[in-house]
Amino acid sequence: MSVAIKEAAKRSLHGITLTTDRSIPFNAPFYCKLGFQEIAESDLSPFLASILQADVANGLSAERRVAMRLLLSHQ
């Protein structure tokens, strides 16, 4: 993940988004330790909302799925 974060910063991207399980310790809690924050449902882009919907359609629990974002600062 550190390589992805460094590459995103190198490319001057505004941030990184992902979807994951909110309960498993090496998923959402791990990403929180890296600075990712949960994206409120009302703030989801159509693209991220569609990924979460696909996760549920493929059998994953809607209550456990979460989209997260790490905002990158550029200096």
N, C-alpha and C. Protein backbone atom coordinates (compact mmCIF):
# COMPACT_ATOMS: atom_id res chain seq x y z
N MET A 1 0.83 -1.18 0.00
CA MET A 1 0.00 0.00 0.00
C MET A 1 0.88 1.25 0.00
N SER A 2 2.03 1.18 0.68
CA SER A 2 2.89 2.37 0.72
C SER A 2 3.39 2.74 -0.68
N VAL A 3 3.61 1.75 -1.54
CA VAL A 3 4.04 2.03 -2.91
C VAL A 3 2.92 2.73 -3.68
N ALA A 4 1.68 2.28 -3.48
CA ALA A 4 0.55 2.92 -4.16
C ALA A 4 0.37 4.36 -3.69
N ILE A 5 0.53 4.60 -2.40
CA ILE A 5 0.40 5.95 -1.87
C ILE A 5 1.50 6.86 -2.42
N LYS A 6 2.72 6.36 -2.43
CA LYS A 6 3.84 7.15 -2.97
C LYS A 6 3.65 7.44 -4.45
N GLU A 7 3.17 6.47 -5.20
CA GLU A 7 2.94 6.67 -6.64
C GLU A 7 1.83 7.69 -6.89
N ALA A 8 0.77 7.61 -6.10
CA ALA A 8 -0.32 8.58 -6.24
C ALA A 8 0.17 9.98 -5.94
N ALA A 9 0.99 10.13 -4.91
CA ALA A 9 1.55 11.44 -4.57
C ALA A 9 2.48 11.93 -5.69
N LYS A 10 3.28 11.03 -6.21
CA LYS A 10 4.20 11.37 -7.31
C LYS A 10 3.43 11.88 -8.52
N ARG A 11 2.25 11.32 -8.75
CA ARG A 11 1.41 11.73 -9.88
C ARG A 11 0.52 12.92 -9.55
N SER A 12 0.69 13.47 -8.36
CA SER A 12 -0.09 14.62 -7.89
C SER A 12 -1.59 14.35 -7.87
N LEU A 13 -1.97 13.12 -7.54
CA LEU A 13 -3.38 12.78 -7.41
C LEU A 13 -3.91 13.37 -6.11
N HIS A 14 -5.19 13.64 -6.05
CA HIS A 14 -5.79 14.23 -4.86
C HIS A 14 -6.00 13.22 -3.75
N GLY A 15 -6.11 11.94 -4.13
CA GLY A 15 -6.33 10.93 -3.11
C GLY A 15 -6.46 9.54 -3.70
N ILE A 16 -6.67 8.61 -2.81
CA ILE A 16 -6.84 7.20 -3.17
C ILE A 16 -8.15 6.73 -2.55
N THR A 17 -8.94 5.99 -3.29
CA THR A 17 -10.17 5.40 -2.74
C THR A 17 -10.11 3.89 -2.86
N LEU A 18 -10.86 3.23 -2.00
CA LEU A 18 -10.94 1.77 -2.04
C LEU A 18 -12.24 1.34 -1.38
N THR A 19 -12.60 0.09 -1.60
CA THR A 19 -13.70 -0.53 -0.88
C THR A 19 -13.14 -1.72 -0.14
N THR A 20 -13.70 -1.99 1.04
CA THR A 20 -13.17 -3.07 1.87
C THR A 20 -14.22 -3.51 2.88
N ASP A 21 -13.84 -4.45 3.71
CA ASP A 21 -14.68 -4.94 4.80
C ASP A 21 -14.43 -4.06 6.03
N ARG A 22 -15.50 -3.58 6.64
CA ARG A 22 -15.33 -2.67 7.77
C ARG A 22 -14.97 -3.39 9.07
N SER A 23 -15.13 -4.69 9.16
CA SER A 23 -14.98 -5.41 10.42
C SER A 23 -13.68 -6.19 10.58
N ILE A 24 -13.18 -6.76 9.51
CA ILE A 24 -11.98 -7.58 9.60
C ILE A 24 -10.78 -6.69 9.95
N PRO A 25 -10.01 -7.04 10.99
CA PRO A 25 -8.92 -6.17 11.46
C PRO A 25 -7.90 -5.76 10.39
N PHE A 26 -7.62 -6.63 9.45
CA PHE A 26 -6.62 -6.26 8.44
C PHE A 26 -7.26 -5.59 7.22
N ASN A 27 -8.50 -5.17 7.35
CA ASN A 27 -9.15 -4.41 6.29
C ASN A 27 -9.35 -2.97 6.76
N ALA A 28 -10.57 -2.52 6.97
CA ALA A 28 -10.84 -1.11 7.30
C ALA A 28 -10.00 -0.60 8.48
N PRO A 29 -9.88 -1.35 9.58
CA PRO A 29 -9.04 -0.84 10.67
C PRO A 29 -7.59 -0.62 10.25
N PHE A 30 -7.07 -1.48 9.41
CA PHE A 30 -5.70 -1.31 8.89
C PHE A 30 -5.61 -0.03 8.07
N TYR A 31 -6.57 0.18 7.17
CA TYR A 31 -6.54 1.37 6.32
C TYR A 31 -6.70 2.64 7.15
N CYS A 32 -7.49 2.59 8.22
CA CYS A 32 -7.63 3.75 9.10
C CYS A 32 -6.27 4.14 9.69
N LYS A 33 -5.47 3.16 10.05
CA LYS A 33 -4.14 3.43 10.60
C LYS A 33 -3.24 4.12 9.58
N LEU A 34 -3.54 3.94 8.29
CA LEU A 34 -2.77 4.58 7.22
C LEU A 34 -3.31 5.97 6.89
N GLY A 35 -4.43 6.34 7.51
CA GLY A 35 -5.00 7.67 7.27
C GLY A 35 -6.26 7.69 6.43
N PHE A 36 -6.73 6.53 5.97
CA PHE A 36 -7.96 6.46 5.19
C PHE A 36 -9.14 6.75 6.11
N GLN A 37 -10.17 7.39 5.56
CA GLN A 37 -11.40 7.66 6.30
C GLN A 37 -12.59 7.14 5.51
N GLU A 38 -13.60 6.69 6.24
CA GLU A 38 -14.82 6.19 5.60
C GLU A 38 -15.51 7.33 4.86
N ILE A 39 -16.02 7.00 3.69
CA ILE A 39 -16.78 7.96 2.89
C ILE A 39 -18.26 7.75 3.19
N ALA A 40 -18.93 8.81 3.62
CA ALA A 40 -20.37 8.71 3.91
C ALA A 40 -21.11 8.31 2.64
N GLU A 41 -22.16 7.55 2.82
CA GLU A 41 -22.96 7.09 1.68
C GLU A 41 -23.41 8.25 0.81
N SER A 42 -23.77 9.36 1.42
CA SER A 42 -24.23 10.53 0.67
C SER A 42 -23.13 11.19 -0.14
N ASP A 43 -21.86 10.87 0.18
CA ASP A 43 -20.73 11.47 -0.52
C ASP A 43 -20.08 10.53 -1.55
N LEU A 44 -20.65 9.34 -1.71
CA LEU A 44 -20.08 8.38 -2.66
C LEU A 44 -20.25 8.87 -4.10
N SER A 45 -19.21 8.69 -4.88
CA SER A 45 -19.33 8.94 -6.32
C SER A 45 -20.18 7.82 -6.91
N PRO A 46 -20.79 8.05 -8.07
CA PRO A 46 -21.54 6.96 -8.71
C PRO A 46 -20.66 5.72 -8.94
N PHE A 47 -19.39 5.94 -9.27
CA PHE A 47 -18.48 4.82 -9.51
C PHE A 47 -18.28 3.98 -8.25
N LEU A 48 -17.97 4.63 -7.11
CA LEU A 48 -17.78 3.88 -5.87
C LEU A 48 -19.07 3.22 -5.42
N ALA A 49 -20.19 3.90 -5.57
CA ALA A 49 -21.48 3.30 -5.21
C ALA A 49 -21.73 2.04 -6.04
N SER A 50 -21.37 2.07 -7.31
CA SER A 50 -21.58 0.89 -8.16
C SER A 50 -20.66 -0.26 -7.75
N ILE A 51 -19.45 0.05 -7.29
CA ILE A 51 -18.55 -1.01 -6.82
C ILE A 51 -19.13 -1.67 -5.57
N LEU A 52 -19.63 -0.86 -4.63
CA LEU A 52 -20.24 -1.43 -3.43
C LEU A 52 -21.46 -2.27 -3.78
N GLN A 53 -22.27 -1.80 -4.73
CA GLN A 53 -23.45 -2.57 -5.17
C GLN A 53 -23.02 -3.89 -5.80
N ALA A 54 -21.95 -3.88 -6.57
CA ALA A 54 -21.44 -5.12 -7.19
C ALA A 54 -20.93 -6.08 -6.12
N ASP A 55 -20.27 -5.54 -5.09
CA ASP A 55 -19.80 -6.39 -3.98
C ASP A 55 -20.98 -7.14 -3.36
N VAL A 56 -22.06 -6.41 -3.11
CA VAL A 56 -23.25 -7.00 -2.49
C VAL A 56 -23.89 -8.01 -3.46
N ALA A 57 -23.96 -7.66 -4.72
CA ALA A 57 -24.53 -8.58 -5.72
C ALA A 57 -23.72 -9.87 -5.82
N ASN A 58 -22.44 -9.79 -5.48
CA ASN A 58 -21.57 -10.97 -5.52
C ASN A 58 -21.53 -11.71 -4.19
N GLY A 59 -22.44 -11.34 -3.27
CA GLY A 59 -22.60 -12.12 -2.05
C GLY A 59 -21.96 -11.54 -0.80
N LEU A 60 -21.34 -10.38 -0.89
CA LEU A 60 -20.75 -9.78 0.30
C LEU A 60 -21.81 -9.00 1.08
N SER A 61 -21.62 -8.89 2.36
CA SER A 61 -22.60 -8.23 3.24
C SER A 61 -22.60 -6.72 3.04
N ALA A 62 -23.77 -6.16 2.75
CA ALA A 62 -23.90 -4.71 2.57
C ALA A 62 -23.52 -3.96 3.85
N GLU A 63 -23.83 -4.53 5.01
CA GLU A 63 -23.53 -3.88 6.28
C GLU A 63 -22.03 -3.82 6.55
N ARG A 64 -21.29 -4.74 5.95
CA ARG A 64 -19.84 -4.79 6.23
C ARG A 64 -19.00 -4.09 5.18
N ARG A 65 -19.58 -3.75 4.04
CA ARG A 65 -18.79 -3.09 2.98
C ARG A 65 -18.70 -1.61 3.26
N VAL A 66 -17.55 -1.03 2.95
CA VAL A 66 -17.33 0.38 3.18
C VAL A 66 -16.38 0.92 2.11
N ALA A 67 -16.63 2.16 1.70
CA ALA A 67 -15.70 2.86 0.80
C ALA A 67 -14.87 3.80 1.66
N MET A 68 -13.59 3.89 1.34
CA MET A 68 -12.68 4.72 2.13
C MET A 68 -11.83 5.59 1.20
N ARG A 69 -11.34 6.70 1.77
CA ARG A 69 -10.53 7.64 0.98
C ARG A 69 -9.34 8.12 1.81
N LEU A 70 -8.21 8.21 1.15
CA LEU A 70 -7.02 8.84 1.73
C LEU A 70 -6.75 10.08 0.90
N LEU A 71 -6.89 11.26 1.53
CA LEU A 71 -6.61 12.51 0.83
C LEU A 71 -5.11 12.77 0.89
N LEU A 72 -4.55 13.17 -0.24
CA LEU A 72 -3.13 13.45 -0.32
C LEU A 72 -2.91 14.95 -0.40
N SER A 73 -1.95 15.43 0.32
CA SER A 73 -1.62 16.86 0.24
C SER A 73 -0.39 17.00 -0.64
N HIS A 74 -0.37 18.04 -1.44
CA HIS A 74 0.74 18.30 -2.36
C HIS A 74 1.39 19.61 -1.96
N GLN A 75 2.69 19.56 -1.82
CA GLN A 75 3.40 20.75 -1.41
C GLN A 75 4.36 21.21 -2.47
